[in-house]
Amino acid sequence: MKLTDVGIATLAKGYKGFKGNCSVSFIEQFRALHQCN
């Protein structure tokens, strides 16, 4: 349960002043592929 070296993708550049380090396509991919548990 201990995690490291994570990434963040943001839909809009500068969301709440935050610059993500991953492509916005990760959000689209997550939305399409996520299966609730």
Full PDB file with SEQRES, HELIX, SHEET, SSBOND, CRYST1, ORIGX, SCALE, CONECT and MASTER records, all heavy atoms in Angstrom:
SEQRES   1 A   37  MET LYS LEU THR ASP VAL GLY ILE ALA THR LEU ALA LYS          
SEQRES   2 A   37  GLY TYR LYS GLY PHE LYS GLY ASN CYS SER VAL SER PHE          
SEQRES   3 A   37  ILE GLU GLN PHE ARG ALA LEU HIS GLN CYS ASN                  
HELIX    1 AA1 SER A   25  LEU A   33  1                                   9    
CRYST1    1.000    1.000    1.000  90.00  90.00  90.00 P 1           1          
ORIGX1      1.000000  0.000000  0.000000        0.00000                         
ORIGX2      0.000000  1.000000  0.000000        0.00000                         
ORIGX3      0.000000  0.000000  1.000000        0.00000                         
SCALE1      1.000000  0.000000  0.000000        0.00000                         
SCALE2      0.000000  1.000000  0.000000        0.00000                         
SCALE3      0.000000  0.000000  1.000000        0.00000                         
ATOM      1  N   MET A   1       0.812  -1.223   0.000  1.00  0.00           N  
ATOM      2  CA  MET A   1       0.000   0.000   0.000  1.00  0.00           C  
ATOM      3  C   MET A   1       0.847   1.275   0.000  1.00  0.00           C  
ATOM      4  O   MET A   1       0.310   2.371   0.051  1.00  0.00           O  
ATOM      5  CB  MET A   1      -0.934   0.021   1.212  1.00  0.00           C  
ATOM      6  CG  MET A   1      -1.977  -1.061   1.201  1.00  0.00           C  
ATOM      7  SD  MET A   1      -3.289  -0.708   0.025  1.00  0.00           S  
ATOM      8  CE  MET A   1      -4.381  -2.060   0.373  1.00  0.00           C  
ATOM      9  N   LYS A   2       2.176   1.134  -0.036  1.00  0.00           N  
ATOM     10  CA  LYS A   2       3.054   2.321  -0.075  1.00  0.00           C  
ATOM     11  C   LYS A   2       3.440   2.598  -1.509  1.00  0.00           C  
ATOM     12  O   LYS A   2       4.048   1.758  -2.177  1.00  0.00           O  
ATOM     13  CB  LYS A   2       4.286   2.117   0.802  1.00  0.00           C  
ATOM     14  CG  LYS A   2       3.950   2.119   2.275  1.00  0.00           C  
ATOM     15  CD  LYS A   2       5.169   2.354   3.107  1.00  0.00           C  
ATOM     16  CE  LYS A   2       4.736   2.601   4.549  1.00  0.00           C  
ATOM     17  NZ  LYS A   2       5.783   3.217   5.314  1.00  0.00           N  
ATOM     18  N   LEU A   3       3.107   3.797  -1.986  1.00  0.00           N  
ATOM     19  CA  LEU A   3       3.280   4.149  -3.395  1.00  0.00           C  
ATOM     20  C   LEU A   3       4.301   5.264  -3.577  1.00  0.00           C  
ATOM     21  O   LEU A   3       4.465   6.118  -2.698  1.00  0.00           O  
ATOM     22  CB  LEU A   3       1.942   4.597  -3.979  1.00  0.00           C  
ATOM     23  CG  LEU A   3       0.760   3.651  -3.756  1.00  0.00           C  
ATOM     24  CD1 LEU A   3      -0.526   4.290  -4.251  1.00  0.00           C  
ATOM     25  CD2 LEU A   3       0.994   2.320  -4.424  1.00  0.00           C  
ATOM     26  N   THR A   4       4.943   5.269  -4.750  1.00  0.00           N  
ATOM     27  CA  THR A   4       5.933   6.301  -5.073  1.00  0.00           C  
ATOM     28  C   THR A   4       5.969   6.553  -6.574  1.00  0.00           C  
ATOM     29  O   THR A   4       5.407   5.784  -7.344  1.00  0.00           O  
ATOM     30  CB  THR A   4       7.330   5.888  -4.575  1.00  0.00           C  
ATOM     31  OG1 THR A   4       8.228   6.977  -4.804  1.00  0.00           O  
ATOM     32  CG2 THR A   4       7.852   4.649  -5.279  1.00  0.00           C  
ATOM     33  N   ASP A   5       6.657   7.601  -6.959  1.00  0.00           N  
ATOM     34  CA  ASP A   5       6.916   7.931  -8.358  1.00  0.00           C  
ATOM     35  C   ASP A   5       5.626   8.013  -9.183  1.00  0.00           C  
ATOM     36  O   ASP A   5       5.528   7.477 -10.269  1.00  0.00           O  
ATOM     37  CB  ASP A   5       7.887   6.905  -8.964  1.00  0.00           C  
ATOM     38  CG  ASP A   5       8.519   7.408 -10.255  1.00  0.00           C  
ATOM     39  OD1 ASP A   5       8.560   8.642 -10.450  1.00  0.00           O  
ATOM     40  OD2 ASP A   5       8.945   6.579 -11.070  1.00  0.00           O  
ATOM     41  N   VAL A   6       4.634   8.711  -8.626  1.00  0.00           N  
ATOM     42  CA  VAL A   6       3.335   8.829  -9.290  1.00  0.00           C  
ATOM     43  C   VAL A   6       3.358   9.953 -10.322  1.00  0.00           C  
ATOM     44  O   VAL A   6       4.277  10.772 -10.342  1.00  0.00           O  
ATOM     45  CB  VAL A   6       2.197   9.085  -8.262  1.00  0.00           C  
ATOM     46  CG1 VAL A   6       2.132   7.962  -7.248  1.00  0.00           C  
ATOM     47  CG2 VAL A   6       2.361  10.425  -7.572  1.00  0.00           C  
ATOM     48  N   GLY A   7       2.358   9.970 -11.161  1.00  0.00           N  
ATOM     49  CA  GLY A   7       2.205  11.037 -12.144  1.00  0.00           C  
ATOM     50  C   GLY A   7       0.850  11.706 -11.964  1.00  0.00           C  
ATOM     51  O   GLY A   7      -0.033  11.168 -11.299  1.00  0.00           O  
ATOM     52  N   ILE A   8       0.696  12.867 -12.562  1.00  0.00           N  
ATOM     53  CA  ILE A   8      -0.593  13.565 -12.545  1.00  0.00           C  
ATOM     54  C   ILE A   8      -0.872  14.097 -13.940  1.00  0.00           C  
ATOM     55  O   ILE A   8      -0.004  14.695 -14.574  1.00  0.00           O  
ATOM     56  CB  ILE A   8      -0.605  14.720 -11.519  1.00  0.00           C  
ATOM     57  CG1 ILE A   8      -0.604  14.159 -10.094  1.00  0.00           C  
ATOM     58  CG2 ILE A   8      -1.811  15.630 -11.729  1.00  0.00           C  
ATOM     59  CD1 ILE A   8      -0.697  15.191  -8.995  1.00  0.00           C  
ATOM     60  N   ALA A   9      -2.090  13.841 -14.403  1.00  0.00           N  
ATOM     61  CA  ALA A   9      -2.550  14.402 -15.678  1.00  0.00           C  
ATOM     62  C   ALA A   9      -3.655  15.402 -15.362  1.00  0.00           C  
ATOM     63  O   ALA A   9      -4.496  15.156 -14.500  1.00  0.00           O  
ATOM     64  CB  ALA A   9      -3.091  13.294 -16.576  1.00  0.00           C  
ATOM     65  N   THR A  10      -3.629  16.547 -16.049  1.00  0.00           N  
ATOM     66  CA  THR A  10      -4.679  17.546 -15.862  1.00  0.00           C  
ATOM     67  C   THR A  10      -5.386  17.777 -17.185  1.00  0.00           C  
ATOM     68  O   THR A  10      -4.758  17.758 -18.246  1.00  0.00           O  
ATOM     69  CB  THR A  10      -4.108  18.891 -15.361  1.00  0.00           C  
ATOM     70  OG1 THR A  10      -3.109  19.332 -16.269  1.00  0.00           O  
ATOM     71  CG2 THR A  10      -3.521  18.767 -13.976  1.00  0.00           C  
ATOM     72  N   LEU A  11      -6.709  17.971 -17.104  1.00  0.00           N  
ATOM     73  CA  LEU A  11      -7.508  18.172 -18.310  1.00  0.00           C  
ATOM     74  C   LEU A  11      -7.181  19.513 -18.953  1.00  0.00           C  
ATOM     75  O   LEU A  11      -7.040  19.629 -20.151  1.00  0.00           O  
ATOM     76  CB  LEU A  11      -9.002  18.083 -17.964  1.00  0.00           C  
ATOM     77  CG  LEU A  11      -9.957  18.014 -19.141  1.00  0.00           C  
ATOM     78  CD1 LEU A  11      -9.697  16.787 -19.986  1.00  0.00           C  
ATOM     79  CD2 LEU A  11     -11.393  17.989 -18.647  1.00  0.00           C  
ATOM     80  N   ALA A  12      -7.057  20.546 -18.110  1.00  0.00           N  
ATOM     81  CA  ALA A  12      -6.734  21.888 -18.613  1.00  0.00           C  
ATOM     82  C   ALA A  12      -5.372  22.286 -18.066  1.00  0.00           C  
ATOM     83  O   ALA A  12      -5.055  22.001 -16.915  1.00  0.00           O  
ATOM     84  CB  ALA A  12      -7.796  22.876 -18.149  1.00  0.00           C  
ATOM     85  N   LYS A  13      -4.579  22.948 -18.895  1.00  0.00           N  
ATOM     86  CA  LYS A  13      -3.274  23.428 -18.418  1.00  0.00           C  
ATOM     87  C   LYS A  13      -3.505  24.406 -17.277  1.00  0.00           C  
ATOM     88  O   LYS A  13      -4.350  25.274 -17.368  1.00  0.00           O  
ATOM     89  CB  LYS A  13      -2.515  24.114 -19.543  1.00  0.00           C  
ATOM     90  CG  LYS A  13      -1.846  23.151 -20.469  1.00  0.00           C  
ATOM     91  CD  LYS A  13      -0.943  23.886 -21.441  1.00  0.00           C  
ATOM     92  CE  LYS A  13      -0.209  22.868 -22.296  1.00  0.00           C  
ATOM     93  NZ  LYS A  13       0.691  23.516 -23.231  1.00  0.00           N  
ATOM     94  N   GLY A  14      -2.737  24.224 -16.221  1.00  0.00           N  
ATOM     95  CA  GLY A  14      -2.832  25.148 -15.103  1.00  0.00           C  
ATOM     96  C   GLY A  14      -4.067  24.949 -14.243  1.00  0.00           C  
ATOM     97  O   GLY A  14      -4.503  25.867 -13.566  1.00  0.00           O  
ATOM     98  N   TYR A  15      -4.664  23.740 -14.233  1.00  0.00           N  
ATOM     99  CA  TYR A  15      -5.827  23.478 -13.376  1.00  0.00           C  
ATOM    100  C   TYR A  15      -5.451  23.783 -11.927  1.00  0.00           C  
ATOM    101  O   TYR A  15      -4.503  23.210 -11.394  1.00  0.00           O  
ATOM    102  CB  TYR A  15      -6.283  22.020 -13.524  1.00  0.00           C  
ATOM    103  CG  TYR A  15      -7.315  21.600 -12.513  1.00  0.00           C  
ATOM    104  CD1 TYR A  15      -8.629  22.053 -12.594  1.00  0.00           C  
ATOM    105  CD2 TYR A  15      -6.984  20.763 -11.452  1.00  0.00           C  
ATOM    106  CE1 TYR A  15      -9.577  21.682 -11.664  1.00  0.00           C  
ATOM    107  CE2 TYR A  15      -7.929  20.380 -10.519  1.00  0.00           C  
ATOM    108  CZ  TYR A  15      -9.222  20.846 -10.630  1.00  0.00           C  
ATOM    109  OH  TYR A  15     -10.159  20.474  -9.688  1.00  0.00           O  
ATOM    110  N   LYS A  16      -6.147  24.736 -11.318  1.00  0.00           N  
ATOM    111  CA  LYS A  16      -5.878  25.205  -9.948  1.00  0.00           C  
ATOM    112  C   LYS A  16      -4.402  25.553  -9.772  1.00  0.00           C  
ATOM    113  O   LYS A  16      -3.796  25.303  -8.742  1.00  0.00           O  
ATOM    114  CB  LYS A  16      -6.321  24.162  -8.924  1.00  0.00           C  
ATOM    115  CG  LYS A  16      -7.826  24.011  -8.848  1.00  0.00           C  
ATOM    116  CD  LYS A  16      -8.237  23.263  -7.620  1.00  0.00           C  
ATOM    117  CE  LYS A  16      -9.751  23.256  -7.518  1.00  0.00           C  
ATOM    118  NZ  LYS A  16     -10.242  22.579  -6.350  1.00  0.00           N  
ATOM    119  N   GLY A  17      -3.795  26.088 -10.828  1.00  0.00           N  
ATOM    120  CA  GLY A  17      -2.396  26.496 -10.762  1.00  0.00           C  
ATOM    121  C   GLY A  17      -1.417  25.339 -10.871  1.00  0.00           C  
ATOM    122  O   GLY A  17      -0.227  25.515 -10.691  1.00  0.00           O  
ATOM    123  N   PHE A  18      -1.920  24.144 -11.188  1.00  0.00           N  
ATOM    124  CA  PHE A  18      -1.064  22.964 -11.200  1.00  0.00           C  
ATOM    125  C   PHE A  18      -0.748  22.515 -12.621  1.00  0.00           C  
ATOM    126  O   PHE A  18      -1.639  22.383 -13.445  1.00  0.00           O  
ATOM    127  CB  PHE A  18      -1.757  21.820 -10.451  1.00  0.00           C  
ATOM    128  CG  PHE A  18      -0.902  20.591 -10.351  1.00  0.00           C  
ATOM    129  CD1 PHE A  18       0.148  20.548  -9.461  1.00  0.00           C  
ATOM    130  CD2 PHE A  18      -1.139  19.502 -11.154  1.00  0.00           C  
ATOM    131  CE1 PHE A  18       0.957  19.430  -9.387  1.00  0.00           C  
ATOM    132  CE2 PHE A  18      -0.343  18.377 -11.081  1.00  0.00           C  
ATOM    133  CZ  PHE A  18       0.704  18.343 -10.184  1.00  0.00           C  
ATOM    134  N   LYS A  19       0.521  22.288 -12.895  1.00  0.00           N  
ATOM    135  CA  LYS A  19       0.936  21.726 -14.176  1.00  0.00           C  
ATOM    136  C   LYS A  19       1.150  20.235 -13.966  1.00  0.00           C  
ATOM    137  O   LYS A  19       1.953  19.834 -13.142  1.00  0.00           O  
ATOM    138  CB  LYS A  19       2.284  22.322 -14.607  1.00  0.00           C  
ATOM    139  CG  LYS A  19       2.173  23.590 -15.385  1.00  0.00           C  
ATOM    140  CD  LYS A  19       3.471  23.988 -16.046  1.00  0.00           C  
ATOM    141  CE  LYS A  19       4.729  23.602 -15.294  1.00  0.00           C  
ATOM    142  NZ  LYS A  19       5.945  24.180 -15.816  1.00  0.00           N  
ATOM    143  N   GLY A  20       0.431  19.411 -14.707  1.00  0.00           N  
ATOM    144  CA  GLY A  20       0.633  17.974 -14.603  1.00  0.00           C  
ATOM    145  C   GLY A  20       1.895  17.562 -15.342  1.00  0.00           C  
ATOM    146  O   GLY A  20       2.476  18.341 -16.079  1.00  0.00           O  
ATOM    147  N   ASN A  21       2.311  16.316 -15.143  1.00  0.00           N  
ATOM    148  CA  ASN A  21       3.492  15.817 -15.845  1.00  0.00           C  
ATOM    149  C   ASN A  21       3.143  14.646 -16.764  1.00  0.00           C  
ATOM    150  O   ASN A  21       4.012  13.948 -17.239  1.00  0.00           O  
ATOM    151  CB  ASN A  21       4.586  15.411 -14.852  1.00  0.00           C  
ATOM    152  CG  ASN A  21       4.179  14.234 -13.978  1.00  0.00           C  
ATOM    153  OD1 ASN A  21       2.992  13.944 -13.806  1.00  0.00           O  
ATOM    154  ND2 ASN A  21       5.147  13.566 -13.395  1.00  0.00           N  
ATOM    155  N   CYS A  22       1.836  14.433 -17.001  1.00  0.00           N  
ATOM    156  CA  CYS A  22       1.384  13.347 -17.865  1.00  0.00           C  
ATOM    157  C   CYS A  22       0.414  13.893 -18.902  1.00  0.00           C  
ATOM    158  O   CYS A  22      -0.238  14.908 -18.687  1.00  0.00           O  
ATOM    159  CB  CYS A  22       0.681  12.260 -17.048  1.00  0.00           C  
ATOM    160  SG  CYS A  22       1.775  11.420 -15.902  1.00  0.00           S  
ATOM    161  N   SER A  23       0.281  13.167 -19.985  1.00  0.00           N  
ATOM    162  CA  SER A  23      -0.590  13.582 -21.081  1.00  0.00           C  
ATOM    163  C   SER A  23      -2.064  13.554 -20.680  1.00  0.00           C  
ATOM    164  O   SER A  23      -2.495  12.696 -19.911  1.00  0.00           O  
ATOM    165  CB  SER A  23      -0.380  12.633 -22.264  1.00  0.00           C  
ATOM    166  OG  SER A  23      -1.395  12.792 -23.216  1.00  0.00           O  
ATOM    167  N   VAL A  24      -2.837  14.486 -21.234  1.00  0.00           N  
ATOM    168  CA  VAL A  24      -4.276  14.533 -20.992  1.00  0.00           C  
ATOM    169  C   VAL A  24      -4.952  13.266 -21.512  1.00  0.00           C  
ATOM    170  O   VAL A  24      -6.017  12.884 -21.040  1.00  0.00           O  
ATOM    171  CB  VAL A  24      -4.890  15.814 -21.613  1.00  0.00           C  
ATOM    172  CG1 VAL A  24      -4.909  15.725 -23.131  1.00  0.00           C  
ATOM    173  CG2 VAL A  24      -6.285  16.067 -21.096  1.00  0.00           C  
ATOM    174  N   SER A  25      -4.315  12.562 -22.452  1.00  0.00           N  
ATOM    175  CA  SER A  25      -4.896  11.321 -22.987  1.00  0.00           C  
ATOM    176  C   SER A  25      -5.045  10.254 -21.912  1.00  0.00           C  
ATOM    177  O   SER A  25      -5.871   9.355 -22.026  1.00  0.00           O  
ATOM    178  CB  SER A  25      -4.057  10.785 -24.145  1.00  0.00           C  
ATOM    179  OG  SER A  25      -2.780  10.392 -23.678  1.00  0.00           O  
ATOM    180  N   PHE A  26      -4.262  10.350 -20.825  1.00  0.00           N  
ATOM    181  CA  PHE A  26      -4.387   9.391 -19.720  1.00  0.00           C  
ATOM    182  C   PHE A  26      -5.768   9.511 -19.077  1.00  0.00           C  
ATOM    183  O   PHE A  26      -6.336   8.526 -18.634  1.00  0.00           O  
ATOM    184  CB  PHE A  26      -3.322   9.628 -18.653  1.00  0.00           C  
ATOM    185  CG  PHE A  26      -1.912   9.349 -19.101  1.00  0.00           C  
ATOM    186  CD1 PHE A  26      -0.861   9.569 -18.246  1.00  0.00           C  
ATOM    187  CD2 PHE A  26      -1.624   8.887 -20.373  1.00  0.00           C  
ATOM    188  CE1 PHE A  26       0.449   9.320 -18.637  1.00  0.00           C  
ATOM    189  CE2 PHE A  26      -0.330   8.633 -20.785  1.00  0.00           C  
ATOM    190  CZ  PHE A  26       0.714   8.850 -19.903  1.00  0.00           C  
ATOM    191  N   ILE A  27      -6.293  10.741 -19.021  1.00  0.00           N  
ATOM    192  CA  ILE A  27      -7.617  10.952 -18.430  1.00  0.00           C  
ATOM    193  C   ILE A  27      -8.677  10.297 -19.307  1.00  0.00           C  
ATOM    194  O   ILE A  27      -9.548   9.584 -18.812  1.00  0.00           O  
ATOM    195  CB  ILE A  27      -7.903  12.460 -18.239  1.00  0.00           C  
ATOM    196  CG1 ILE A  27      -6.936  13.045 -17.207  1.00  0.00           C  
ATOM    197  CG2 ILE A  27      -9.357  12.687 -17.824  1.00  0.00           C  
ATOM    198  CD1 ILE A  27      -7.057  14.539 -16.988  1.00  0.00           C  
ATOM    199  N   GLU A  28      -8.584  10.512 -20.605  1.00  0.00           N  
ATOM    200  CA  GLU A  28      -9.538   9.912 -21.548  1.00  0.00           C  
ATOM    201  C   GLU A  28      -9.460   8.393 -21.482  1.00  0.00           C  
ATOM    202  O   GLU A  28     -10.479   7.707 -21.458  1.00  0.00           O  
ATOM    203  CB  GLU A  28      -9.228  10.413 -22.973  1.00  0.00           C  
ATOM    204  CG  GLU A  28     -10.249  10.002 -23.997  1.00  0.00           C  
ATOM    205  CD  GLU A  28     -11.651  10.526 -23.724  1.00  0.00           C  
ATOM    206  OE1 GLU A  28     -11.803  11.671 -23.252  1.00  0.00           O  
ATOM    207  OE2 GLU A  28     -12.604   9.762 -23.972  1.00  0.00           O  
ATOM    208  N   GLN A  29      -8.244   7.867 -21.430  1.00  0.00           N  
ATOM    209  CA  GLN A  29      -8.045   6.418 -21.348  1.00  0.00           C  
ATOM    210  C   GLN A  29      -8.650   5.873 -20.064  1.00  0.00           C  
ATOM    211  O   GLN A  29      -9.327   4.853 -20.076  1.00  0.00           O  
ATOM    212  CB  GLN A  29      -6.557   6.103 -21.399  1.00  0.00           C  
ATOM    213  CG  GLN A  29      -6.239   4.625 -21.197  1.00  0.00           C  
ATOM    214  CD  GLN A  29      -4.752   4.389 -21.060  1.00  0.00           C  
ATOM    215  OE1 GLN A  29      -3.983   4.817 -21.891  1.00  0.00           O  
ATOM    216  NE2 GLN A  29      -4.353   3.720 -20.006  1.00  0.00           N  
ATOM    217  N   PHE A  30      -8.408   6.560 -18.938  1.00  0.00           N  
ATOM    218  CA  PHE A  30      -8.947   6.105 -17.654  1.00  0.00           C  
ATOM    219  C   PHE A  30     -10.472   6.087 -17.698  1.00  0.00           C  
ATOM    220  O   PHE A  30     -11.106   5.126 -17.285  1.00  0.00           O  
ATOM    221  CB  PHE A  30      -8.457   7.002 -16.510  1.00  0.00           C  
ATOM    222  CG  PHE A  30      -9.055   6.626 -15.183  1.00  0.00           C  
ATOM    223  CD1 PHE A  30      -8.592   5.508 -14.498  1.00  0.00           C  
ATOM    224  CD2 PHE A  30     -10.085   7.369 -14.634  1.00  0.00           C  
ATOM    225  CE1 PHE A  30      -9.153   5.142 -13.284  1.00  0.00           C  
ATOM    226  CE2 PHE A  30     -10.645   7.008 -13.418  1.00  0.00           C  
ATOM    227  CZ  PHE A  30     -10.177   5.893 -12.740  1.00  0.00           C  
ATOM    228  N   ARG A  31     -11.053   7.151 -18.203  1.00  0.00           N  
ATOM    229  CA  ARG A  31     -12.514   7.252 -18.266  1.00  0.00           C  
ATOM    230  C   ARG A  31     -13.105   6.113 -19.110  1.00  0.00           C  
ATOM    231  O   ARG A  31     -14.140   5.563 -18.781  1.00  0.00           O  
ATOM    232  CB  ARG A  31     -12.924   8.611 -18.830  1.00  0.00           C  
ATOM    233  CG  ARG A  31     -14.402   8.884 -18.720  1.00  0.00           C  
ATOM    234  CD  ARG A  31     -14.762  10.294 -19.053  1.00  0.00           C  
ATOM    235  NE  ARG A  31     -14.219  10.710 -20.330  1.00  0.00           N  
ATOM    236  CZ  ARG A  31     -13.904  11.950 -20.617  1.00  0.00           C  
ATOM    237  NH1 ARG A  31     -14.054  12.897 -19.727  1.00  0.00           N  
ATOM    238  NH2 ARG A  31     -13.430  12.276 -21.796  1.00  0.00           N  
ATOM    239  N   ALA A  32     -12.420   5.746 -20.179  1.00  0.00           N  
ATOM    240  CA  ALA A  32     -12.926   4.688 -21.067  1.00  0.00           C  
ATOM    241  C   ALA A  32     -12.695   3.286 -20.503  1.00  0.00           C  
ATOM    242  O   ALA A  32     -13.517   2.400 -20.722  1.00  0.00           O  
ATOM    243  CB  ALA A  32     -12.264   4.808 -22.428  1.00  0.00           C  
ATOM    244  N   LEU A  33     -11.598   3.074 -19.771  1.00  0.00           N  
ATOM    245  CA  LEU A  33     -11.224   1.724 -19.364  1.00  0.00           C  
ATOM    246  C   LEU A  33     -11.504   1.375 -17.906  1.00  0.00           C  
ATOM    247  O   LEU A  33     -11.516   0.195 -17.556  1.00  0.00           O  
ATOM    248  CB  LEU A  33      -9.718   1.496 -19.632  1.00  0.00           C  
ATOM    249  CG  LEU A  33      -9.258   1.636 -21.080  1.00  0.00           C  
ATOM    250  CD1 LEU A  33      -7.754   1.435 -21.168  1.00  0.00           C  
ATOM    251  CD2 LEU A  33      -9.985   0.646 -21.971  1.00  0.00           C  
ATOM    252  N   HIS A  34     -11.720   2.361 -17.055  1.00  0.00           N  
ATOM    253  CA  HIS A  34     -11.896   2.059 -15.623  1.00  0.00           C  
ATOM    254  C   HIS A  34     -13.115   1.184 -15.373  1.00  0.00           C  
ATOM    255  O   HIS A  34     -14.197   1.459 -15.888  1.00  0.00           O  
ATOM    256  CB  HIS A  34     -12.034   3.353 -14.816  1.00  0.00           C  
ATOM    257  CG  HIS A  34     -12.351   3.112 -13.374  1.00  0.00           C  
ATOM    258  ND1 HIS A  34     -11.441   2.564 -12.496  1.00  0.00           N  
ATOM    259  CD2 HIS A  34     -13.491   3.321 -12.661  1.00  0.00           C  
ATOM    260  CE1 HIS A  34     -12.011   2.462 -11.297  1.00  0.00           C  
ATOM    261  NE2 HIS A  34     -13.243   2.913 -11.383  1.00  0.00           N  
ATOM    262  N   GLN A  35     -12.911   0.132 -14.590  1.00  0.00           N  
ATOM    263  CA  GLN A  35     -14.015  -0.722 -14.168  1.00  0.00           C  
ATOM    264  C   GLN A  35     -14.164  -0.558 -12.667  1.00  0.00           C  
ATOM    265  O   GLN A  35     -13.225  -0.842 -11.919  1.00  0.00           O  
ATOM    266  CB  GLN A  35     -13.730  -2.176 -14.520  1.00  0.00           C  
ATOM    267  CG  GLN A  35     -13.686  -2.434 -16.005  1.00  0.00           C  
ATOM    268  CD  GLN A  35     -13.350  -3.881 -16.331  1.00  0.00           C  
ATOM    269  OE1 GLN A  35     -13.097  -4.698 -15.455  1.00  0.00           O  
ATOM    270  NE2 GLN A  35     -13.341  -4.197 -17.609  1.00  0.00           N  
ATOM    271  N   CYS A  36     -15.328  -0.106 -12.241  1.00  0.00           N  
ATOM    272  CA  CYS A  36     -15.555   0.081 -10.809  1.00  0.00           C  
ATOM    273  C   CYS A  36     -15.456  -1.255 -10.083  1.00  0.00           C  
ATOM    274  O   CYS A  36     -15.759  -2.299 -10.639  1.00  0.00           O  
ATOM    275  CB  CYS A  36     -16.923   0.711 -10.565  1.00  0.00           C  
ATOM    276  SG  CYS A  36     -16.978   2.453 -11.007  1.00  0.00           S  
ATOM    277  N   ASN A  37     -15.021  -1.182  -8.829  1.00  0.00           N  
ATOM    278  CA  ASN A  37     -14.934  -2.374  -7.996  1.00  0.00           C  
ATOM    279  C   ASN A  37     -15.690  -2.108  -6.692  1.00  0.00           C  
ATOM    280  O   ASN A  37     -16.309  -1.050  -6.536  1.00  0.00           O  
ATOM    281  CB  ASN A  37     -13.462  -2.751  -7.758  1.00  0.00           C  
ATOM    282  CG  ASN A  37     -12.685  -1.613  -7.116  1.00  0.00           C  
ATOM    283  OD1 ASN A  37     -13.079  -1.049  -6.097  1.00  0.00           O  
ATOM    284  ND2 ASN A  37     -11.552  -1.250  -7.721  1.00  0.00           N  
TER     285      ASN A  37                                                      
MASTER        0    0    0    1    0    0    0    6  284    1    0    3          
END                                                                             
